[in-house]
Amino acid sequence: MATKIKHRKGAEVMGDDGSMTLGGHLRELRNRIVICAVIYIVAAVGFLAIADQLIDFLTAMADGVYNFISIDPQEKLIQYFRVALLAALVVTIPFIAYHVYAFAKPGLKKSESFFFGLVLVLGLGLFVVGVLFAYFVSLPFMLNFMGTLAGADYIVQTTSIASYISFCITIFLIFGAVFEMPLVVIILARMGIVSPQLMNKARGVMIVLIFFVAAVITPPDIVSQTMVALPMCLLYVISTALCKIFYKKPMADEDEEEEEADEED
């Protein structure tokens, strides 16, 4: 009886041709989602236990510049949960990326599987580099500069802990997204949408557009805008070099070149 049930379950997962059935795919997807959810919950509980140290880690950038206050009775507690849940998400994202790759890998060709894995790893790496750049370089500079604008000694720089955490998270997300530029260019170049020639021709226009975007997504001060725009300009140069490596001509262009070569012969 147990053997029959086992064979029946195997038949539900695998088809007659050896490929996984829709039910099997859905079951695998469910299992992977459950695993990621469990990892997230465990990480959230763990980070909630050290939420006070996480808050200290973030406020250390503005040490000696700002005095932090709590306006609402529940404000500090809410920030503890907010920081813990975000930290848990950051820890869980690599596991989510792995399970996405493992779930999609059987349906991809070898070259597609390699490129898909490269995109996931590079995307995570670039986002982490962007957040680290914001924490160690951009944010301390922004906070110190804006803190010195108070001028007179009798003006005390104070901010609510909720406003400060929101500001830090916003800057982290901005720099994390900005540092994804090379990855976006690699994907577009691989699809044949963006070419190295186009990247070189559009450099002047893109620099102006970069400063405009930096002015829109950052707080209304020239320092924050510059601290975002300059890395974006450097990333554009790096993206141009990567475009030359990963650029793949569209099929139509390749066919035209082959036809021209045949006519010359």
C-alpha atoms as a PDB file:
ATOM      1  CA  MET A   1       0.000   0.000   0.000  1.00  0.00           C
ATOM      2  CA  ALA A   2       2.785   2.382   0.923  1.00  0.00           C
ATOM      3  CA  THR A   3       4.574   1.548  -2.340  1.00  0.00           C
ATOM      4  CA  LYS A   4       1.450   2.398  -4.357  1.00  0.00           C
ATOM      5  CA  ILE A   5       1.100   5.761  -2.594  1.00  0.00           C
ATOM      6  CA  LYS A   6       4.775   6.488  -3.239  1.00  0.00           C
ATOM      7  CA  HIS A   7       4.433   5.699  -6.946  1.00  0.00           C
ATOM      8  CA  ARG A   8       1.276   7.816  -7.131  1.00  0.00           C
ATOM      9  CA  LYS A   9       3.072  10.811  -5.602  1.00  0.00           C
ATOM     10  CA  GLY A  10       5.967  10.314  -7.998  1.00  0.00           C
ATOM     11  CA  ALA A  11       3.563  10.236 -10.945  1.00  0.00           C
ATOM     12  CA  GLU A  12       1.990  13.501  -9.758  1.00  0.00           C
ATOM     13  CA  VAL A  13       5.401  15.178  -9.770  1.00  0.00           C
ATOM     14  CA  MET A  14       6.972  13.649 -12.892  1.00  0.00           C
ATOM     15  CA  GLY A  15       5.270  13.225 -16.272  1.00  0.00           C
ATOM     16  CA  ASP A  16       5.506  10.261 -18.631  1.00  0.00           C
ATOM     17  CA  ASP A  17       8.400  11.870 -20.521  1.00  0.00           C
ATOM     18  CA  GLY A  18      10.427  12.393 -17.344  1.00  0.00           C
ATOM     19  CA  SER A  19       9.710  16.126 -17.094  1.00  0.00           C
ATOM     20  CA  MET A  20       8.162  17.703 -14.013  1.00  0.00           C
ATOM     21  CA  THR A  21       4.406  18.289 -14.145  1.00  0.00           C
ATOM     22  CA  LEU A  22       2.661  21.570 -13.324  1.00  0.00           C
ATOM     23  CA  GLY A  23       1.703  20.171  -9.946  1.00  0.00           C
ATOM     24  CA  GLY A  24       5.335  19.264  -9.307  1.00  0.00           C
ATOM     25  CA  HIS A  25       6.483  22.781 -10.200  1.00  0.00           C
ATOM     26  CA  LEU A  26       3.876  24.336  -7.915  1.00  0.00           C
ATOM     27  CA  ARG A  27       4.874  22.003  -5.078  1.00  0.00           C
ATOM     28  CA  GLU A  28       8.542  22.874  -5.544  1.00  0.00           C
ATOM     29  CA  LEU A  29       7.691  26.581  -5.640  1.00  0.00           C
ATOM     30  CA  ARG A  30       5.643  26.253  -2.446  1.00  0.00           C
ATOM     31  CA  ASN A  31       8.481  24.471  -0.659  1.00  0.00           C
ATOM     32  CA  ARG A  32      11.006  27.115  -1.677  1.00  0.00           C
ATOM     33  CA  ILE A  33       8.689  29.939  -0.554  1.00  0.00           C
ATOM     34  CA  VAL A  34       8.191  28.222   2.806  1.00  0.00           C
ATOM     35  CA  ILE A  35      11.954  27.865   3.275  1.00  0.00           C
ATOM     36  CA  CYS A  36      12.542  31.555   2.512  1.00  0.00           C
ATOM     37  CA  ALA A  37       9.682  32.584   4.818  1.00  0.00           C
ATOM     38  CA  VAL A  38      11.104  30.516   7.693  1.00  0.00           C
ATOM     39  CA  ILE A  39      14.570  32.034   7.170  1.00  0.00           C
ATOM     40  CA  TYR A  40      13.043  35.522   7.188  1.00  0.00           C
ATOM     41  CA  ILE A  41      11.074  34.919  10.389  1.00  0.00           C
ATOM     42  CA  VAL A  42      14.085  33.460  12.197  1.00  0.00           C
ATOM     43  CA  ALA A  43      16.284  36.364  11.038  1.00  0.00           C
ATOM     44  CA  ALA A  44      13.642  38.929  12.092  1.00  0.00           C
ATOM     45  CA  VAL A  45      13.440  37.462  15.587  1.00  0.00           C
ATOM     46  CA  GLY A  46      17.221  37.406  15.853  1.00  0.00           C
ATOM     47  CA  PHE A  47      17.629  41.001  14.699  1.00  0.00           C
ATOM     48  CA  LEU A  48      14.812  42.154  16.971  1.00  0.00           C
ATOM     49  CA  ALA A  49      16.892  40.934  19.902  1.00  0.00           C
ATOM     50  CA  ILE A  50      19.767  43.219  18.848  1.00  0.00           C
ATOM     51  CA  ALA A  51      17.646  46.067  17.442  1.00  0.00           C
ATOM     52  CA  ASP A  52      19.157  48.512  19.937  1.00  0.00           C
ATOM     53  CA  GLN A  53      22.659  47.800  18.564  1.00  0.00           C
ATOM     54  CA  LEU A  54      21.384  48.252  15.005  1.00  0.00           C
ATOM     55  CA  ILE A  55      19.979  51.683  15.914  1.00  0.00           C
ATOM     56  CA  ASP A  56      23.329  52.568  17.505  1.00  0.00           C
ATOM     57  CA  PHE A  57      25.088  51.400  14.334  1.00  0.00           C
ATOM     58  CA  LEU A  58      23.005  53.795  12.209  1.00  0.00           C
ATOM     59  CA  THR A  59      23.154  56.777  14.560  1.00  0.00           C
ATOM     60  CA  ALA A  60      26.954  56.459  14.872  1.00  0.00           C
ATOM     61  CA  MET A  61      27.296  58.290  11.540  1.00  0.00           C
ATOM     62  CA  ALA A  62      25.763  61.434  13.078  1.00  0.00           C
ATOM     63  CA  ASP A  63      27.466  61.158  16.454  1.00  0.00           C
ATOM     64  CA  GLY A  64      28.271  64.623  17.790  1.00  0.00           C
ATOM     65  CA  VAL A  65      26.296  66.374  15.047  1.00  0.00           C
ATOM     66  CA  TYR A  66      22.648  65.654  15.924  1.00  0.00           C
ATOM     67  CA  ASN A  67      20.713  65.105  19.124  1.00  0.00           C
ATOM     68  CA  PHE A  68      18.093  62.418  18.662  1.00  0.00           C
ATOM     69  CA  ILE A  69      14.646  62.678  20.208  1.00  0.00           C
ATOM     70  CA  SER A  70      11.549  60.482  20.328  1.00  0.00           C
ATOM     71  CA  ILE A  71       8.385  62.490  19.667  1.00  0.00           C
ATOM     72  CA  ASP A  72       5.738  59.773  20.069  1.00  0.00           C
ATOM     73  CA  PRO A  73       5.592  57.220  22.906  1.00  0.00           C
ATOM     74  CA  GLN A  74       5.729  54.292  20.468  1.00  0.00           C
ATOM     75  CA  GLU A  75       8.226  55.854  18.040  1.00  0.00           C
ATOM     76  CA  LYS A  76      11.349  54.131  19.355  1.00  0.00           C
ATOM     77  CA  LEU A  77       9.628  50.733  19.535  1.00  0.00           C
ATOM     78  CA  ILE A  78       8.350  51.075  15.955  1.00  0.00           C
ATOM     79  CA  GLN A  79      11.860  51.873  14.733  1.00  0.00           C
ATOM     80  CA  TYR A  80      13.173  48.770  16.489  1.00  0.00           C
ATOM     81  CA  PHE A  81      10.711  46.603  14.552  1.00  0.00           C
ATOM     82  CA  ARG A  82      11.343  48.546  11.338  1.00  0.00           C
ATOM     83  CA  VAL A  83      15.113  48.139  11.459  1.00  0.00           C
ATOM     84  CA  ALA A  84      14.889  44.476  12.502  1.00  0.00           C
ATOM     85  CA  LEU A  85      12.467  43.592   9.684  1.00  0.00           C
ATOM     86  CA  LEU A  86      14.594  45.400   7.081  1.00  0.00           C
ATOM     87  CA  ALA A  87      17.792  43.759   8.319  1.00  0.00           C
ATOM     88  CA  ALA A  88      16.076  40.363   8.158  1.00  0.00           C
ATOM     89  CA  LEU A  89      15.007  41.093   4.577  1.00  0.00           C
ATOM     90  CA  VAL A  90      18.582  41.983   3.628  1.00  0.00           C
ATOM     91  CA  VAL A  91      19.834  38.681   5.082  1.00  0.00           C
ATOM     92  CA  THR A  92      17.059  36.702   3.379  1.00  0.00           C
ATOM     93  CA  ILE A  93      17.520  38.205  -0.110  1.00  0.00           C
ATOM     94  CA  PRO A  94      20.565  36.024  -0.997  1.00  0.00           C
ATOM     95  CA  PHE A  95      18.576  32.901  -0.073  1.00  0.00           C
ATOM     96  CA  ILE A  96      15.639  34.144  -2.157  1.00  0.00           C
ATOM     97  CA  ALA A  97      17.992  34.752  -5.094  1.00  0.00           C
ATOM     98  CA  TYR A  98      19.430  31.251  -4.766  1.00  0.00           C
ATOM     99  CA  HIS A  99      15.999  29.609  -4.724  1.00  0.00           C
ATOM    100  CA  VAL A 100      14.870  31.705  -7.707  1.00  0.00           C
ATOM    101  CA  TYR A 101      17.944  30.517  -9.601  1.00  0.00           C
ATOM    102  CA  ALA A 102      17.494  26.889  -8.522  1.00  0.00           C
ATOM    103  CA  PHE A 103      13.824  26.947  -9.510  1.00  0.00           C
ATOM    104  CA  ALA A 104      14.483  28.454 -12.956  1.00  0.00           C
ATOM    105  CA  LYS A 105      17.713  26.562 -13.773  1.00  0.00           C
ATOM    106  CA  PRO A 106      16.133  23.321 -15.119  1.00  0.00           C
ATOM    107  CA  GLY A 107      14.280  25.282 -17.812  1.00  0.00           C
ATOM    108  CA  LEU A 108      17.316  27.249 -18.988  1.00  0.00           C
ATOM    109  CA  LYS A 109      20.083  26.430 -21.433  1.00  0.00           C
ATOM    110  CA  LYS A 110      23.628  26.226 -20.123  1.00  0.00           C
ATOM    111  CA  SER A 111      24.557  29.683 -21.431  1.00  0.00           C
ATOM    112  CA  GLU A 112      21.274  31.155 -20.174  1.00  0.00           C
ATOM    113  CA  SER A 113      21.758  29.528 -16.778  1.00  0.00           C
ATOM    114  CA  PHE A 114      25.246  31.038 -16.462  1.00  0.00           C
ATOM    115  CA  PHE A 115      24.049  34.509 -17.474  1.00  0.00           C
ATOM    116  CA  PHE A 116      21.034  34.333 -15.149  1.00  0.00           C
ATOM    117  CA  GLY A 117      23.267  33.337 -12.228  1.00  0.00           C
ATOM    118  CA  LEU A 118      25.715  36.100 -13.124  1.00  0.00           C
ATOM    119  CA  VAL A 119      22.897  38.661 -13.142  1.00  0.00           C
ATOM    120  CA  LEU A 120      21.682  37.576  -9.691  1.00  0.00           C
ATOM    121  CA  VAL A 121      25.139  37.556  -8.105  1.00  0.00           C
ATOM    122  CA  LEU A 122      26.199  40.815  -9.751  1.00  0.00           C
ATOM    123  CA  GLY A 123      22.911  42.480  -8.827  1.00  0.00           C
ATOM    124  CA  LEU A 124      23.272  41.559  -5.161  1.00  0.00           C
ATOM    125  CA  GLY A 125      26.942  42.524  -5.118  1.00  0.00           C
ATOM    126  CA  LEU A 126      26.381  45.919  -6.707  1.00  0.00           C
ATOM    127  CA  PHE A 127      23.511  46.716  -4.332  1.00  0.00           C
ATOM    128  CA  VAL A 128      25.692  45.855  -1.321  1.00  0.00           C
ATOM    129  CA  VAL A 129      28.531  48.009  -2.674  1.00  0.00           C
ATOM    130  CA  GLY A 130      26.091  50.900  -3.146  1.00  0.00           C
ATOM    131  CA  VAL A 131      24.817  50.614   0.435  1.00  0.00           C
ATOM    132  CA  LEU A 132      28.368  50.395   1.826  1.00  0.00           C
ATOM    133  CA  PHE A 133      29.393  53.439  -0.215  1.00  0.00           C
ATOM    134  CA  ALA A 134      26.427  55.344   1.208  1.00  0.00           C
ATOM    135  CA  TYR A 135      27.209  54.306   4.793  1.00  0.00           C
ATOM    136  CA  PHE A 136      30.947  54.974   4.792  1.00  0.00           C
ATOM    137  CA  VAL A 137      31.221  57.898   2.342  1.00  0.00           C
ATOM    138  CA  SER A 138      28.042  59.688   1.286  1.00  0.00           C
ATOM    139  CA  LEU A 139      25.855  59.683   4.391  1.00  0.00           C
ATOM    140  CA  PRO A 140      28.518  60.865   6.887  1.00  0.00           C
ATOM    141  CA  PHE A 141      29.503  63.648   4.503  1.00  0.00           C
ATOM    142  CA  MET A 142      25.876  64.710   3.953  1.00  0.00           C
ATOM    143  CA  LEU A 143      25.033  64.638   7.658  1.00  0.00           C
ATOM    144  CA  ASN A 144      28.133  66.577   8.702  1.00  0.00           C
ATOM    145  CA  PHE A 145      27.616  69.167   5.979  1.00  0.00           C
ATOM    146  CA  MET A 146      23.945  69.713   6.810  1.00  0.00           C
ATOM    147  CA  GLY A 147      24.776  69.741  10.518  1.00  0.00           C
ATOM    148  CA  THR A 148      27.288  72.582  10.076  1.00  0.00           C
ATOM    149  CA  LEU A 149      24.623  74.736   8.384  1.00  0.00           C
ATOM    150  CA  ALA A 150      23.140  75.521  11.798  1.00  0.00           C
ATOM    151  CA  GLY A 151      25.767  78.231  12.145  1.00  0.00           C
ATOM    152  CA  ALA A 152      25.259  79.849  15.567  1.00  0.00           C
ATOM    153  CA  ASP A 153      26.278  77.877  18.665  1.00  0.00           C
ATOM    154  CA  TYR A 154      22.915  78.401  20.363  1.00  0.00           C
ATOM    155  CA  ILE A 155      21.094  76.506  17.565  1.00  0.00           C
ATOM    156  CA  VAL A 156      20.950  72.859  18.556  1.00  0.00           C
ATOM    157  CA  GLN A 157      20.618  70.279  15.775  1.00  0.00           C
ATOM    158  CA  THR A 158      17.900  67.809  16.792  1.00  0.00           C
ATOM    159  CA  THR A 159      15.950  65.270  14.788  1.00  0.00           C
ATOM    160  CA  SER A 160      13.454  62.534  15.595  1.00  0.00           C
ATOM    161  CA  ILE A 161      14.737  59.003  15.435  1.00  0.00           C
ATOM    162  CA  ALA A 162      11.966  58.119  12.952  1.00  0.00           C
ATOM    163  CA  SER A 163      12.961  60.909  10.555  1.00  0.00           C
ATOM    164  CA  TYR A 164      16.629  59.975  10.792  1.00  0.00           C
ATOM    165  CA  ILE A 165      16.016  56.249  10.154  1.00  0.00           C
ATOM    166  CA  SER A 166      13.753  57.130   7.198  1.00  0.00           C
ATOM    167  CA  PHE A 167      16.453  59.390   5.763  1.00  0.00           C
ATOM    168  CA  CYS A 168      19.133  56.697   6.114  1.00  0.00           C
ATOM    169  CA  ILE A 169      16.971  53.995   4.542  1.00  0.00           C
ATOM    170  CA  THR A 170      16.081  56.314   1.644  1.00  0.00           C
ATOM    171  CA  ILE A 171      19.737  57.076   0.934  1.00  0.00           C
ATOM    172  CA  PHE A 172      20.662  53.384   1.181  1.00  0.00           C
ATOM    173  CA  LEU A 173      17.959  52.445  -1.318  1.00  0.00           C
ATOM    174  CA  ILE A 174      18.953  55.275  -3.673  1.00  0.00           C
ATOM    175  CA  PHE A 175      22.621  54.298  -3.738  1.00  0.00           C
ATOM    176  CA  GLY A 176      21.795  50.598  -3.920  1.00  0.00           C
ATOM    177  CA  ALA A 177      19.596  51.250  -6.960  1.00  0.00           C
ATOM    178  CA  VAL A 178      22.103  53.650  -8.546  1.00  0.00           C
ATOM    179  CA  PHE A 179      24.888  51.078  -8.333  1.00  0.00           C
ATOM    180  CA  GLU A 180      22.742  48.665 -10.362  1.00  0.00           C
ATOM    181  CA  MET A 181      23.452  50.741 -13.493  1.00  0.00           C
ATOM    182  CA  PRO A 182      26.197  48.422 -14.829  1.00  0.00           C
ATOM    183  CA  LEU A 183      23.873  45.432 -14.437  1.00  0.00           C
ATOM    184  CA  VAL A 184      21.071  47.157 -16.363  1.00  0.00           C
ATOM    185  CA  VAL A 185      23.499  48.057 -19.159  1.00  0.00           C
ATOM    186  CA  ILE A 186      24.822  44.471 -19.288  1.00  0.00           C
ATOM    187  CA  ILE A 187      21.294  43.095 -19.687  1.00  0.00           C
ATOM    188  CA  LEU A 188      20.380  45.658 -22.367  1.00  0.00           C
ATOM    189  CA  ALA A 189      23.681  45.043 -24.188  1.00  0.00           C
ATOM    190  CA  ARG A 190      23.118  41.296 -24.089  1.00  0.00           C
ATOM    191  CA  MET A 191      19.680  41.840 -25.630  1.00  0.00           C
ATOM    192  CA  GLY A 192      21.217  44.027 -28.344  1.00  0.00           C
ATOM    193  CA  ILE A 193      19.237  47.096 -27.263  1.00  0.00           C
ATOM    194  CA  VAL A 194      22.241  49.165 -26.145  1.00  0.00           C
ATOM    195  CA  SER A 195      25.519  49.225 -28.083  1.00  0.00           C
ATOM    196  CA  PRO A 196      28.948  50.644 -27.139  1.00  0.00           C
ATOM    197  CA  GLN A 197      28.584  53.227 -29.915  1.00  0.00           C
ATOM    198  CA  LEU A 198      25.293  54.427 -28.459  1.00  0.00           C
ATOM    199  CA  MET A 199      26.792  54.655 -24.969  1.00  0.00           C
ATOM    200  CA  ASN A 200      29.657  56.817 -26.258  1.00  0.00           C
ATOM    201  CA  LYS A 201      27.402  59.105 -28.304  1.00  0.00           C
ATOM    202  CA  ALA A 202      24.961  59.623 -25.436  1.00  0.00           C
ATOM    203  CA  ARG A 203      27.613  60.395 -22.821  1.00  0.00           C
ATOM    204  CA  GLY A 204      27.031  64.172 -22.772  1.00  0.00           C
ATOM    205  CA  VAL A 205      23.253  63.853 -22.638  1.00  0.00           C
ATOM    206  CA  MET A 206      23.447  61.161 -19.964  1.00  0.00           C
ATOM    207  CA  ILE A 207      25.646  63.301 -17.699  1.00  0.00           C
ATOM    208  CA  VAL A 208      23.055  66.092 -17.802  1.00  0.00           C
ATOM    209  CA  LEU A 209      20.296  63.542 -17.196  1.00  0.00           C
ATOM    210  CA  ILE A 210      22.235  62.019 -14.292  1.00  0.00           C
ATOM    211  CA  PHE A 211      22.479  65.367 -12.496  1.00  0.00           C
ATOM    212  CA  PHE A 212      18.769  65.948 -13.134  1.00  0.00           C
ATOM    213  CA  VAL A 213      17.849  62.535 -11.703  1.00  0.00           C
ATOM    214  CA  ALA A 214      20.150  63.134  -8.713  1.00  0.00           C
ATOM    215  CA  ALA A 215      18.362  66.428  -8.050  1.00  0.00           C
ATOM    216  CA  VAL A 216      14.987  64.661  -8.086  1.00  0.00           C
ATOM    217  CA  ILE A 217      15.773  61.627  -5.909  1.00  0.00           C
ATOM    218  CA  THR A 218      17.910  63.328  -3.240  1.00  0.00           C
ATOM    219  CA  PRO A 219      17.129  65.908  -0.535  1.00  0.00           C
ATOM    220  CA  PRO A 220      17.060  69.499  -1.823  1.00  0.00           C
ATOM    221  CA  ASP A 221      20.704  70.411  -1.258  1.00  0.00           C
ATOM    222  CA  ILE A 222      23.571  70.596  -3.721  1.00  0.00           C
ATOM    223  CA  VAL A 223      25.859  68.360  -1.656  1.00  0.00           C
ATOM    224  CA  SER A 224      23.470  65.390  -1.624  1.00  0.00           C
ATOM    225  CA  GLN A 225      22.839  65.827  -5.350  1.00  0.00           C
ATOM    226  CA  THR A 226      26.565  65.920  -6.123  1.00  0.00           C
ATOM    227  CA  MET A 227      27.326  62.921  -3.901  1.00  0.00           C
ATOM    228  CA  VAL A 228      24.803  60.881  -5.915  1.00  0.00           C
ATOM    229  CA  ALA A 229      25.619  62.301  -9.369  1.00  0.00           C
ATOM    230  CA  LEU A 230      29.401  61.758  -9.257  1.00  0.00           C
ATOM    231  CA  PRO A 231      29.218  57.987  -8.551  1.00  0.00           C
ATOM    232  CA  MET A 232      26.558  57.707 -11.259  1.00  0.00           C
ATOM    233  CA  CYS A 233      28.909  59.364 -13.778  1.00  0.00           C
ATOM    234  CA  LEU A 234      31.704  56.960 -12.801  1.00  0.00           C
ATOM    235  CA  LEU A 235      29.302  54.024 -13.074  1.00  0.00           C
ATOM    236  CA  TYR A 236      28.316  55.198 -16.541  1.00  0.00           C
ATOM    237  CA  VAL A 237      31.955  54.995 -17.642  1.00  0.00           C
ATOM    238  CA  ILE A 238      32.241  51.497 -16.141  1.00  0.00           C
ATOM    239  CA  SER A 239      28.956  50.500 -17.787  1.00  0.00           C
ATOM    240  CA  THR A 240      30.291  51.631 -21.176  1.00  0.00           C
ATOM    241  CA  ALA A 241      33.316  49.352 -20.779  1.00  0.00           C
ATOM    242  CA  LEU A 242      31.111  46.422 -19.736  1.00  0.00           C
ATOM    243  CA  CYS A 243      28.817  47.084 -22.691  1.00  0.00           C
ATOM    244  CA  LYS A 244      31.729  46.406 -25.052  1.00  0.00           C
ATOM    245  CA  ILE A 245      32.278  43.024 -23.383  1.00  0.00           C
ATOM    246  CA  PHE A 246      28.677  41.795 -23.226  1.00  0.00           C
ATOM    247  CA  TYR A 247      27.207  43.420 -26.340  1.00  0.00           C
ATOM    248  CA  LYS A 248      25.480  40.970 -28.611  1.00  0.00           C
ATOM    249  CA  LYS A 249      24.311  42.100 -32.030  1.00  0.00           C
ATOM    250  CA  PRO A 250      20.634  41.545 -32.862  1.00  0.00           C
ATOM    251  CA  MET A 251      19.898  38.556 -35.102  1.00  0.00           C
ATOM    252  CA  ALA A 252      18.755  40.823 -37.940  1.00  0.00           C
ATOM    253  CA  ASP A 253      22.099  42.655 -37.977  1.00  0.00           C
ATOM    254  CA  GLU A 254      24.008  39.376 -37.890  1.00  0.00           C
ATOM    255  CA  ASP A 255      21.993  38.051 -40.844  1.00  0.00           C
ATOM    256  CA  GLU A 256      22.666  41.236 -42.833  1.00  0.00           C
ATOM    257  CA  GLU A 257      26.398  40.979 -42.171  1.00  0.00           C
ATOM    258  CA  GLU A 258      26.391  37.329 -43.277  1.00  0.00           C
ATOM    259  CA  GLU A 259      24.510  38.245 -46.473  1.00  0.00           C
ATOM    260  CA  GLU A 260      26.998  41.046 -47.207  1.00  0.00           C
ATOM    261  CA  ALA A 261      29.900  38.647 -46.641  1.00  0.00           C
ATOM    262  CA  ASP A 262      28.325  36.107 -49.002  1.00  0.00           C
ATOM    263  CA  GLU A 263      27.828  38.766 -51.695  1.00  0.00           C
ATOM    264  CA  GLU A 264      31.467  39.853 -51.394  1.00  0.00           C
ATOM    265  CA  ASP A 265      32.584  36.226 -51.837  1.00  0.00           C
END
